[in-house]
Full PDB file with SEQRES, HELIX, SHEET, SSBOND, CRYST1, ORIGX, SCALE, CONECT and MASTER records, all heavy atoms in Angstrom:
SEQRES   1 A   41  HIS GLY SER GLY GLY THR GLY ALA THR ASN MET LEU ARG          
SEQRES   2 A   41  THR PHE LYS LEU LYS ALA ALA LEU ALA THR PHE ALA GLY          
SEQRES   3 A   41  ASP ALA ALA LYS ALA ALA ALA ALA VAL LEU LEU GLY ARG          
SEQRES   4 A   41  ALA ILE                                                      
HELIX    1 AA1 ALA A    8  PHE A   15  1                                   8    
HELIX    2 AA2 LEU A   17  ALA A   40  1                                  24    
CRYST1    1.000    1.000    1.000  90.00  90.00  90.00 P 1           1          
ORIGX1      1.000000  0.000000  0.000000        0.00000                         
ORIGX2      0.000000  1.000000  0.000000        0.00000                         
ORIGX3      0.000000  0.000000  1.000000        0.00000                         
SCALE1      1.000000  0.000000  0.000000        0.00000                         
SCALE2      0.000000  1.000000  0.000000        0.00000                         
SCALE3      0.000000  0.000000  1.000000        0.00000                         
ATOM      1  N   HIS A   1     -35.165   5.830   2.052  1.00  0.00           N  
ATOM      2  CA  HIS A   1     -35.419   4.768   3.028  1.00  0.00           C  
ATOM      3  C   HIS A   1     -36.676   5.073   3.828  1.00  0.00           C  
ATOM      4  O   HIS A   1     -37.102   6.226   3.933  1.00  0.00           O  
ATOM      5  CB  HIS A   1     -34.235   4.637   3.986  1.00  0.00           C  
ATOM      6  CG  HIS A   1     -32.927   4.376   3.299  1.00  0.00           C  
ATOM      7  ND1 HIS A   1     -32.529   3.116   2.919  1.00  0.00           N  
ATOM      8  CD2 HIS A   1     -31.941   5.231   2.907  1.00  0.00           C  
ATOM      9  CE1 HIS A   1     -31.351   3.192   2.334  1.00  0.00           C  
ATOM     10  NE2 HIS A   1     -30.971   4.461   2.307  1.00  0.00           N  
ATOM     11  N   GLY A   2     -37.237   4.040   4.413  1.00  0.00           N  
ATOM     12  CA  GLY A   2     -38.335   4.190   5.358  1.00  0.00           C  
ATOM     13  C   GLY A   2     -39.490   4.991   4.818  1.00  0.00           C  
ATOM     14  O   GLY A   2     -40.029   4.698   3.739  1.00  0.00           O  
ATOM     15  N   SER A   3     -39.863   6.030   5.555  1.00  0.00           N  
ATOM     16  CA  SER A   3     -41.007   6.862   5.180  1.00  0.00           C  
ATOM     17  C   SER A   3     -40.697   7.809   4.025  1.00  0.00           C  
ATOM     18  O   SER A   3     -41.608   8.423   3.472  1.00  0.00           O  
ATOM     19  CB  SER A   3     -41.451   7.693   6.386  1.00  0.00           C  
ATOM     20  OG  SER A   3     -40.443   8.632   6.737  1.00  0.00           O  
ATOM     21  N   GLY A   4     -39.412   7.961   3.701  1.00  0.00           N  
ATOM     22  CA  GLY A   4     -39.016   8.916   2.675  1.00  0.00           C  
ATOM     23  C   GLY A   4     -38.845  10.325   3.198  1.00  0.00           C  
ATOM     24  O   GLY A   4     -38.496  11.233   2.437  1.00  0.00           O  
ATOM     25  N   GLY A   5     -39.054  10.522   4.511  1.00  0.00           N  
ATOM     26  CA  GLY A   5     -38.912  11.838   5.110  1.00  0.00           C  
ATOM     27  C   GLY A   5     -37.478  12.131   5.489  1.00  0.00           C  
ATOM     28  O   GLY A   5     -36.618  11.242   5.520  1.00  0.00           O  
ATOM     29  N   THR A   6     -37.234  13.391   5.813  1.00  0.00           N  
ATOM     30  CA  THR A   6     -35.871  13.830   6.159  1.00  0.00           C  
ATOM     31  C   THR A   6     -35.686  14.073   7.646  1.00  0.00           C  
ATOM     32  O   THR A   6     -34.618  14.492   8.070  1.00  0.00           O  
ATOM     33  CB  THR A   6     -35.529  15.139   5.417  1.00  0.00           C  
ATOM     34  OG1 THR A   6     -36.415  16.175   5.875  1.00  0.00           O  
ATOM     35  CG2 THR A   6     -35.671  14.969   3.911  1.00  0.00           C  
ATOM     36  N   GLY A   7     -36.720  13.822   8.443  1.00  0.00           N  
ATOM     37  CA  GLY A   7     -36.680  14.172   9.844  1.00  0.00           C  
ATOM     38  C   GLY A   7     -36.002  13.147  10.731  1.00  0.00           C  
ATOM     39  O   GLY A   7     -35.503  12.103  10.279  1.00  0.00           O  
ATOM     40  N   ALA A   8     -36.016  13.452  12.028  1.00  0.00           N  
ATOM     41  CA  ALA A   8     -35.292  12.639  13.003  1.00  0.00           C  
ATOM     42  C   ALA A   8     -35.828  11.221  13.099  1.00  0.00           C  
ATOM     43  O   ALA A   8     -35.059  10.283  13.319  1.00  0.00           O  
ATOM     44  CB  ALA A   8     -35.341  13.322  14.366  1.00  0.00           C  
ATOM     45  N   THR A   9     -37.136  11.038  12.951  1.00  0.00           N  
ATOM     46  CA  THR A   9     -37.701   9.688  13.081  1.00  0.00           C  
ATOM     47  C   THR A   9     -37.181   8.766  11.986  1.00  0.00           C  
ATOM     48  O   THR A   9     -36.767   7.628  12.250  1.00  0.00           O  
ATOM     49  CB  THR A   9     -39.238   9.740  13.052  1.00  0.00           C  
ATOM     50  OG1 THR A   9     -39.701  10.541  14.134  1.00  0.00           O  
ATOM     51  CG2 THR A   9     -39.820   8.341  13.187  1.00  0.00           C  
ATOM     52  N   ASN A  10     -37.183   9.244  10.755  1.00  0.00           N  
ATOM     53  CA  ASN A  10     -36.674   8.405   9.667  1.00  0.00           C  
ATOM     54  C   ASN A  10     -35.162   8.221   9.776  1.00  0.00           C  
ATOM     55  O   ASN A  10     -34.631   7.158   9.438  1.00  0.00           O  
ATOM     56  CB  ASN A  10     -37.035   9.002   8.308  1.00  0.00           C  
ATOM     57  CG  ASN A  10     -37.038   7.958   7.208  1.00  0.00           C  
ATOM     58  OD1 ASN A  10     -37.358   6.791   7.434  1.00  0.00           O  
ATOM     59  ND2 ASN A  10     -36.682   8.359   6.003  1.00  0.00           N  
ATOM     60  N   MET A  11     -34.460   9.238  10.265  1.00  0.00           N  
ATOM     61  CA  MET A  11     -33.025   9.083  10.518  1.00  0.00           C  
ATOM     62  C   MET A  11     -32.771   8.040  11.599  1.00  0.00           C  
ATOM     63  O   MET A  11     -31.820   7.246  11.509  1.00  0.00           O  
ATOM     64  CB  MET A  11     -32.419  10.424  10.915  1.00  0.00           C  
ATOM     65  CG  MET A  11     -32.314  11.430   9.783  1.00  0.00           C  
ATOM     66  SD  MET A  11     -31.075  10.995   8.525  1.00  0.00           S  
ATOM     67  CE  MET A  11     -29.562  11.494   9.368  1.00  0.00           C  
ATOM     68  N   LEU A  12     -33.622   8.005  12.615  1.00  0.00           N  
ATOM     69  CA  LEU A  12     -33.490   7.015  13.679  1.00  0.00           C  
ATOM     70  C   LEU A  12     -33.651   5.605  13.133  1.00  0.00           C  
ATOM     71  O   LEU A  12     -32.842   4.712  13.434  1.00  0.00           O  
ATOM     72  CB  LEU A  12     -34.538   7.279  14.768  1.00  0.00           C  
ATOM     73  CG  LEU A  12     -34.609   6.263  15.910  1.00  0.00           C  
ATOM     74  CD1 LEU A  12     -33.326   6.255  16.711  1.00  0.00           C  
ATOM     75  CD2 LEU A  12     -35.809   6.563  16.810  1.00  0.00           C  
ATOM     76  N   ARG A  13     -34.667   5.408  12.331  1.00  0.00           N  
ATOM     77  CA  ARG A  13     -34.924   4.066  11.795  1.00  0.00           C  
ATOM     78  C   ARG A  13     -33.854   3.652  10.788  1.00  0.00           C  
ATOM     79  O   ARG A  13     -33.554   2.467  10.658  1.00  0.00           O  
ATOM     80  CB  ARG A  13     -36.300   4.030  11.121  1.00  0.00           C  
ATOM     81  CG  ARG A  13     -37.457   4.165  12.104  1.00  0.00           C  
ATOM     82  CD  ARG A  13     -38.771   3.750  11.472  1.00  0.00           C  
ATOM     83  NE  ARG A  13     -39.837   3.756  12.461  1.00  0.00           N  
ATOM     84  CZ  ARG A  13     -40.799   4.679  12.533  1.00  0.00           C  
ATOM     85  NH1 ARG A  13     -40.822   5.669  11.658  1.00  0.00           N  
ATOM     86  NH2 ARG A  13     -41.729   4.611  13.467  1.00  0.00           N  
ATOM     87  N   THR A  14     -33.275   4.635  10.092  1.00  0.00           N  
ATOM     88  CA  THR A  14     -32.336   4.312   9.020  1.00  0.00           C  
ATOM     89  C   THR A  14     -30.889   4.314   9.487  1.00  0.00           C  
ATOM     90  O   THR A  14     -30.122   3.408   9.158  1.00  0.00           O  
ATOM     91  CB  THR A  14     -32.502   5.315   7.857  1.00  0.00           C  
ATOM     92  OG1 THR A  14     -33.878   5.355   7.453  1.00  0.00           O  
ATOM     93  CG2 THR A  14     -31.637   4.907   6.673  1.00  0.00           C  
ATOM     94  N   PHE A  15     -30.500   5.330  10.262  1.00  0.00           N  
ATOM     95  CA  PHE A  15     -29.088   5.508  10.620  1.00  0.00           C  
ATOM     96  C   PHE A  15     -28.833   5.540  12.132  1.00  0.00           C  
ATOM     97  O   PHE A  15     -27.737   5.879  12.557  1.00  0.00           O  
ATOM     98  CB  PHE A  15     -28.546   6.793   9.987  1.00  0.00           C  
ATOM     99  CG  PHE A  15     -28.635   6.817   8.493  1.00  0.00           C  
ATOM    100  CD1 PHE A  15     -29.456   7.722   7.841  1.00  0.00           C  
ATOM    101  CD2 PHE A  15     -27.919   5.918   7.721  1.00  0.00           C  
ATOM    102  CE1 PHE A  15     -29.546   7.748   6.454  1.00  0.00           C  
ATOM    103  CE2 PHE A  15     -27.998   5.930   6.332  1.00  0.00           C  
ATOM    104  CZ  PHE A  15     -28.814   6.844   5.698  1.00  0.00           C  
ATOM    105  N   LYS A  16     -29.864   5.234  12.928  1.00  0.00           N  
ATOM    106  CA  LYS A  16     -29.750   5.051  14.383  1.00  0.00           C  
ATOM    107  C   LYS A  16     -29.720   6.373  15.148  1.00  0.00           C  
ATOM    108  O   LYS A  16     -29.874   7.458  14.606  1.00  0.00           O  
ATOM    109  CB  LYS A  16     -28.557   4.169  14.745  1.00  0.00           C  
ATOM    110  CG  LYS A  16     -28.560   2.826  14.002  1.00  0.00           C  
ATOM    111  CD  LYS A  16     -29.873   2.081  14.127  1.00  0.00           C  
ATOM    112  CE  LYS A  16     -29.872   0.769  13.336  1.00  0.00           C  
ATOM    113  NZ  LYS A  16     -31.212   0.146  13.263  1.00  0.00           N  
ATOM    114  N   LEU A  17     -29.502   6.248  16.480  1.00  0.00           N  
ATOM    115  CA  LEU A  17     -29.819   7.313  17.429  1.00  0.00           C  
ATOM    116  C   LEU A  17     -28.980   8.573  17.245  1.00  0.00           C  
ATOM    117  O   LEU A  17     -29.511   9.688  17.274  1.00  0.00           O  
ATOM    118  CB  LEU A  17     -29.671   6.794  18.854  1.00  0.00           C  
ATOM    119  CG  LEU A  17     -30.049   7.780  19.969  1.00  0.00           C  
ATOM    120  CD1 LEU A  17     -31.496   8.218  19.843  1.00  0.00           C  
ATOM    121  CD2 LEU A  17     -29.783   7.158  21.332  1.00  0.00           C  
ATOM    122  N   LYS A  18     -27.661   8.443  17.123  1.00  0.00           N  
ATOM    123  CA  LYS A  18     -26.823   9.646  17.038  1.00  0.00           C  
ATOM    124  C   LYS A  18     -27.193  10.496  15.834  1.00  0.00           C  
ATOM    125  O   LYS A  18     -27.258  11.729  15.925  1.00  0.00           O  
ATOM    126  CB  LYS A  18     -25.351   9.254  16.987  1.00  0.00           C  
ATOM    127  CG  LYS A  18     -24.807   8.717  18.308  1.00  0.00           C  
ATOM    128  CD  LYS A  18     -23.321   8.412  18.205  1.00  0.00           C  
ATOM    129  CE  LYS A  18     -22.781   7.876  19.529  1.00  0.00           C  
ATOM    130  NZ  LYS A  18     -21.331   7.561  19.450  1.00  0.00           N  
ATOM    131  N   ALA A  19     -27.444   9.855  14.716  1.00  0.00           N  
ATOM    132  CA  ALA A  19     -27.836  10.597  13.515  1.00  0.00           C  
ATOM    133  C   ALA A  19     -29.189  11.271  13.718  1.00  0.00           C  
ATOM    134  O   ALA A  19     -29.406  12.412  13.271  1.00  0.00           O  
ATOM    135  CB  ALA A  19     -27.888   9.660  12.315  1.00  0.00           C  
ATOM    136  N   ALA A  20     -30.102  10.583  14.400  1.00  0.00           N  
ATOM    137  CA  ALA A  20     -31.424  11.159  14.657  1.00  0.00           C  
ATOM    138  C   ALA A  20     -31.326  12.377  15.569  1.00  0.00           C  
ATOM    139  O   ALA A  20     -31.970  13.403  15.326  1.00  0.00           O  
ATOM    140  CB  ALA A  20     -32.329  10.104  15.280  1.00  0.00           C  
ATOM    141  N   LEU A  21     -30.528  12.268  16.631  1.00  0.00           N  
ATOM    142  CA  LEU A  21     -30.373  13.393  17.554  1.00  0.00           C  
ATOM    143  C   LEU A  21     -29.736  14.597  16.863  1.00  0.00           C  
ATOM    144  O   LEU A  21     -30.138  15.746  17.083  1.00  0.00           O  
ATOM    145  CB  LEU A  21     -29.537  12.970  18.759  1.00  0.00           C  
ATOM    146  CG  LEU A  21     -30.199  11.956  19.707  1.00  0.00           C  
ATOM    147  CD1 LEU A  21     -29.207  11.519  20.777  1.00  0.00           C  
ATOM    148  CD2 LEU A  21     -31.454  12.526  20.337  1.00  0.00           C  
ATOM    149  N   ALA A  22     -28.735  14.331  16.037  1.00  0.00           N  
ATOM    150  CA  ALA A  22     -28.090  15.424  15.302  1.00  0.00           C  
ATOM    151  C   ALA A  22     -29.062  16.079  14.337  1.00  0.00           C  
ATOM    152  O   ALA A  22     -29.063  17.313  14.180  1.00  0.00           O  
ATOM    153  CB  ALA A  22     -26.871  14.893  14.554  1.00  0.00           C  
ATOM    154  N   THR A  23     -29.898  15.279  13.706  1.00  0.00           N  
ATOM    155  CA  THR A  23     -30.892  15.821  12.782  1.00  0.00           C  
ATOM    156  C   THR A  23     -31.910  16.670  13.520  1.00  0.00           C  
ATOM    157  O   THR A  23     -32.255  17.780  13.081  1.00  0.00           O  
ATOM    158  CB  THR A  23     -31.601  14.673  12.043  1.00  0.00           C  
ATOM    159  OG1 THR A  23     -30.629  13.933  11.296  1.00  0.00           O  
ATOM    160  CG2 THR A  23     -32.663  15.199  11.088  1.00  0.00           C  
ATOM    161  N   PHE A  24     -32.404  16.148  14.638  1.00  0.00           N  
ATOM    162  CA  PHE A  24     -33.367  16.913  15.435  1.00  0.00           C  
ATOM    163  C   PHE A  24     -32.766  18.251  15.871  1.00  0.00           C  
ATOM    164  O   PHE A  24     -33.404  19.299  15.756  1.00  0.00           O  
ATOM    165  CB  PHE A  24     -33.795  16.101  16.660  1.00  0.00           C  
ATOM    166  CG  PHE A  24     -34.937  16.712  17.417  1.00  0.00           C  
ATOM    167  CD1 PHE A  24     -36.239  16.308  17.172  1.00  0.00           C  
ATOM    168  CD2 PHE A  24     -34.724  17.703  18.360  1.00  0.00           C  
ATOM    169  CE1 PHE A  24     -37.310  16.884  17.860  1.00  0.00           C  
ATOM    170  CE2 PHE A  24     -35.768  18.286  19.050  1.00  0.00           C  
ATOM    171  CZ  PHE A  24     -37.070  17.869  18.798  1.00  0.00           C  
ATOM    172  N   ALA A  25     -31.531  18.203  16.357  1.00  0.00           N  
ATOM    173  CA  ALA A  25     -30.875  19.429  16.820  1.00  0.00           C  
ATOM    174  C   ALA A  25     -30.712  20.428  15.681  1.00  0.00           C  
ATOM    175  O   ALA A  25     -30.961  21.636  15.855  1.00  0.00           O  
ATOM    176  CB  ALA A  25     -29.523  19.092  17.436  1.00  0.00           C  
ATOM    177  N   GLY A  26     -30.304  19.955  14.518  1.00  0.00           N  
ATOM    178  CA  GLY A  26     -30.121  20.851  13.382  1.00  0.00           C  
ATOM    179  C   GLY A  26     -31.418  21.465  12.919  1.00  0.00           C  
ATOM    180  O   GLY A  26     -31.481  22.677  12.626  1.00  0.00           O  
ATOM    181  N   ASP A  27     -32.475  20.656  12.862  1.00  0.00           N  
ATOM    182  CA  ASP A  27     -33.768  21.189  12.415  1.00  0.00           C  
ATOM    183  C   ASP A  27     -34.353  22.162  13.435  1.00  0.00           C  
ATOM    184  O   ASP A  27     -34.935  23.189  13.066  1.00  0.00           O  
ATOM    185  CB  ASP A  27     -34.743  20.040  12.156  1.00  0.00           C  
ATOM    186  CG  ASP A  27     -34.401  19.253  10.897  1.00  0.00           C  
ATOM    187  OD1 ASP A  27     -33.669  19.784  10.045  1.00  0.00           O  
ATOM    188  OD2 ASP A  27     -34.872  18.103  10.771  1.00  0.00           O  
ATOM    189  N   ALA A  28     -34.202  21.844  14.726  1.00  0.00           N  
ATOM    190  CA  ALA A  28     -34.684  22.772  15.754  1.00  0.00           C  
ATOM    191  C   ALA A  28     -33.894  24.083  15.717  1.00  0.00           C  
ATOM    192  O   ALA A  28     -34.465  25.175  15.869  1.00  0.00           O  
ATOM    193  CB  ALA A  28     -34.587  22.120  17.130  1.00  0.00           C  
ATOM    194  N   ALA A  29     -32.587  23.976  15.498  1.00  0.00           N  
ATOM    195  CA  ALA A  29     -31.739  25.173  15.478  1.00  0.00           C  
ATOM    196  C   ALA A  29     -32.073  26.082  14.308  1.00  0.00           C  
ATOM    197  O   ALA A  29     -32.103  27.315  14.455  1.00  0.00           O  
ATOM    198  CB  ALA A  29     -30.270  24.762  15.433  1.00  0.00           C  
ATOM    199  N   LYS A  30     -32.336  25.507  13.133  1.00  0.00           N  
ATOM    200  CA  LYS A  30     -32.654  26.371  11.994  1.00  0.00           C  
ATOM    201  C   LYS A  30     -33.994  27.072  12.216  1.00  0.00           C  
ATOM    202  O   LYS A  30     -34.174  28.230  11.804  1.00  0.00           O  
ATOM    203  CB  LYS A  30     -32.655  25.576  10.686  1.00  0.00           C  
ATOM    204  CG  LYS A  30     -33.859  24.664  10.469  1.00  0.00           C  
ATOM    205  CD  LYS A  30     -33.752  23.892   9.170  1.00  0.00           C  
ATOM    206  CE  LYS A  30     -34.970  22.984   8.970  1.00  0.00           C  
ATOM    207  NZ  LYS A  30     -34.830  22.138   7.760  1.00  0.00           N  
ATOM    208  N   ALA A  31     -34.927  26.400  12.877  1.00  0.00           N  
ATOM    209  CA  ALA A  31     -36.206  27.039  13.168  1.00  0.00           C  
ATOM    210  C   ALA A  31     -36.030  28.164  14.183  1.00  0.00           C  
ATOM    211  O   ALA A  31     -36.616  29.244  14.038  1.00  0.00           O  
ATOM    212  CB  ALA A  31     -37.205  26.006  13.684  1.00  0.00           C  
ATOM    213  N   ALA A  32     -35.234  27.911  15.212  1.00  0.00           N  
ATOM    214  CA  ALA A  32     -34.965  28.956  16.198  1.00  0.00           C  
ATOM    215  C   ALA A  32     -34.310  30.162  15.537  1.00  0.00           C  
ATOM    216  O   ALA A  32     -34.667  31.316  15.816  1.00  0.00           O  
ATOM    217  CB  ALA A  32     -34.084  28.406  17.314  1.00  0.00           C  
ATOM    218  N   ALA A  33     -33.343  29.914  14.645  1.00  0.00           N  
ATOM    219  CA  ALA A  33     -32.678  31.005  13.938  1.00  0.00           C  
ATOM    220  C   ALA A  33     -33.661  31.771  13.062  1.00  0.00           C  
ATOM    221  O   ALA A  33     -33.616  33.011  12.993  1.00  0.00           O  
ATOM    222  CB  ALA A  33     -31.534  30.449  13.086  1.00  0.00           C  
ATOM    223  N   ALA A  34     -34.567  31.050  12.399  1.00  0.00           N  
ATOM    224  CA  ALA A  34     -35.553  31.706  11.543  1.00  0.00           C  
ATOM    225  C   ALA A  34     -36.467  32.605  12.360  1.00  0.00           C  
ATOM    226  O   ALA A  34     -36.793  33.727  11.948  1.00  0.00           O  
ATOM    227  CB  ALA A  34     -36.370  30.659  10.790  1.00  0.00           C  
ATOM    228  N   VAL A  35     -36.898  32.126  13.529  1.00  0.00           N  
ATOM    229  CA  VAL A  35     -37.784  32.920  14.378  1.00  0.00           C  
ATOM    230  C   VAL A  35     -37.055  34.159  14.911  1.00  0.00           C  
ATOM    231  O   VAL A  35     -37.612  35.266  14.928  1.00  0.00           O  
ATOM    232  CB  VAL A  35     -38.334  32.062  15.525  1.00  0.00           C  
ATOM    233  CG1 VAL A  35     -39.044  32.934  16.563  1.00  0.00           C  
ATOM    234  CG2 VAL A  35     -39.287  31.008  14.983  1.00  0.00           C  
ATOM    235  N   LEU A  36     -35.820  33.984  15.321  1.00  0.00           N  
ATOM    236  CA  LEU A  36     -35.043  35.137  15.789  1.00  0.00           C  
ATOM    237  C   LEU A  36     -34.870  36.164  14.679  1.00  0.00           C  
ATOM    238  O   LEU A  36     -34.970  37.375  14.916  1.00  0.00           O  
ATOM    239  CB  LEU A  36     -33.680  34.671  16.303  1.00  0.00           C  
ATOM    240  CG  LEU A  36     -33.695  33.917  17.635  1.00  0.00           C  
ATOM    241  CD1 LEU A  36     -32.332  33.292  17.901  1.00  0.00           C  
ATOM    242  CD2 LEU A  36     -34.098  34.844  18.784  1.00  0.00           C  
ATOM    243  N   LEU A  37     -34.621  35.695  13.471  1.00  0.00           N  
ATOM    244  CA  LEU A  37     -34.489  36.603  12.341  1.00  0.00           C  
ATOM    245  C   LEU A  37     -35.816  37.291  12.052  1.00  0.00           C  
ATOM    246  O   LEU A  37     -35.864  38.504  11.790  1.00  0.00           O  
ATOM    247  CB  LEU A  37     -34.001  35.835  11.117  1.00  0.00           C  
ATOM    248  CG  LEU A  37     -33.763  36.645   9.842  1.00  0.00           C  
ATOM    249  CD1 LEU A  37     -32.747  37.767  10.089  1.00  0.00           C  
ATOM    250  CD2 LEU A  37     -33.269  35.731   8.719  1.00  0.00           C  
ATOM    251  N   GLY A  38     -36.910  36.535  12.102  1.00  0.00           N  
ATOM    252  CA  GLY A  38     -38.231  37.111  11.881  1.00  0.00           C  
ATOM    253  C   GLY A  38     -38.556  38.184  12.906  1.00  0.00           C  
ATOM    254  O   GLY A  38     -39.131  39.226  12.569  1.00  0.00           O  
ATOM    255  N   ARG A  39     -38.173  37.932  14.155  1.00  0.00           N  
ATOM    256  CA  ARG A  39     -38.403  38.939  15.194  1.00  0.00           C  
ATOM    257  C   ARG A  39     -37.563  40.186  14.944  1.00  0.00           C  
ATOM    258  O   ARG A  39     -38.017  41.314  15.183  1.00  0.00           O  
ATOM    259  CB  ARG A  39     -38.088  38.347  16.566  1.00  0.00           C  
ATOM    260  CG  ARG A  39     -39.118  37.343  17.037  1.00  0.00           C  
ATOM    261  CD  ARG A  39     -38.765  36.711  18.366  1.00  0.00           C  
ATOM    262  NE  ARG A  39     -38.748  37.669  19.454  1.00  0.00           N  
ATOM    263  CZ  ARG A  39     -38.733  37.327  20.742  1.00  0.00           C  
ATOM    264  NH1 ARG A  39     -38.711  36.048  21.090  1.00  0.00           N  
ATOM    265  NH2 ARG A  39     -38.724  38.247  21.679  1.00  0.00           N  
ATOM    266  N   ALA A  40     -36.334  39.991  14.464  1.00  0.00           N  
ATOM    267  CA  ALA A  40     -35.488  41.144  14.175  1.00  0.00           C  
ATOM    268  C   ALA A  40     -36.055  41.979  13.028  1.00  0.00           C  
ATOM    269  O   ALA A  40     -35.927  43.204  13.012  1.00  0.00           O  
ATOM    270  CB  ALA A  40     -34.075  40.672  13.834  1.00  0.00           C  
ATOM    271  N   ILE A  41     -36.709  41.305  12.087  1.00  0.00           N  
ATOM    272  CA  ILE A  41     -37.247  42.007  10.920  1.00  0.00           C  
ATOM    273  C   ILE A  41     -38.578  42.682  11.227  1.00  0.00           C  
ATOM    274  O   ILE A  41     -38.823  43.824  10.825  1.00  0.00           O  
ATOM    275  CB  ILE A  41     -37.421  41.020   9.740  1.00  0.00           C  
ATOM    276  CG1 ILE A  41     -36.054  40.522   9.259  1.00  0.00           C  
ATOM    277  CG2 ILE A  41     -38.189  41.669   8.587  1.00  0.00           C  
ATOM    278  CD1 ILE A  41     -36.142  39.382   8.260  1.00  0.00           C  
TER     279      ILE A  41                                                      
MASTER        0    0    0    2    0    0    0    6  278    1    0    4          
END                                                                             
């Protein structure tokens, strides 16, 4: 759908606000986890 992307903006346009917020939170959380892991390594 839409732009073909997997991010919060395309989720907002396709599946509305709650889905977009959940997507944003999940993507931000995985990045935070990756950085914390990188710092540990």
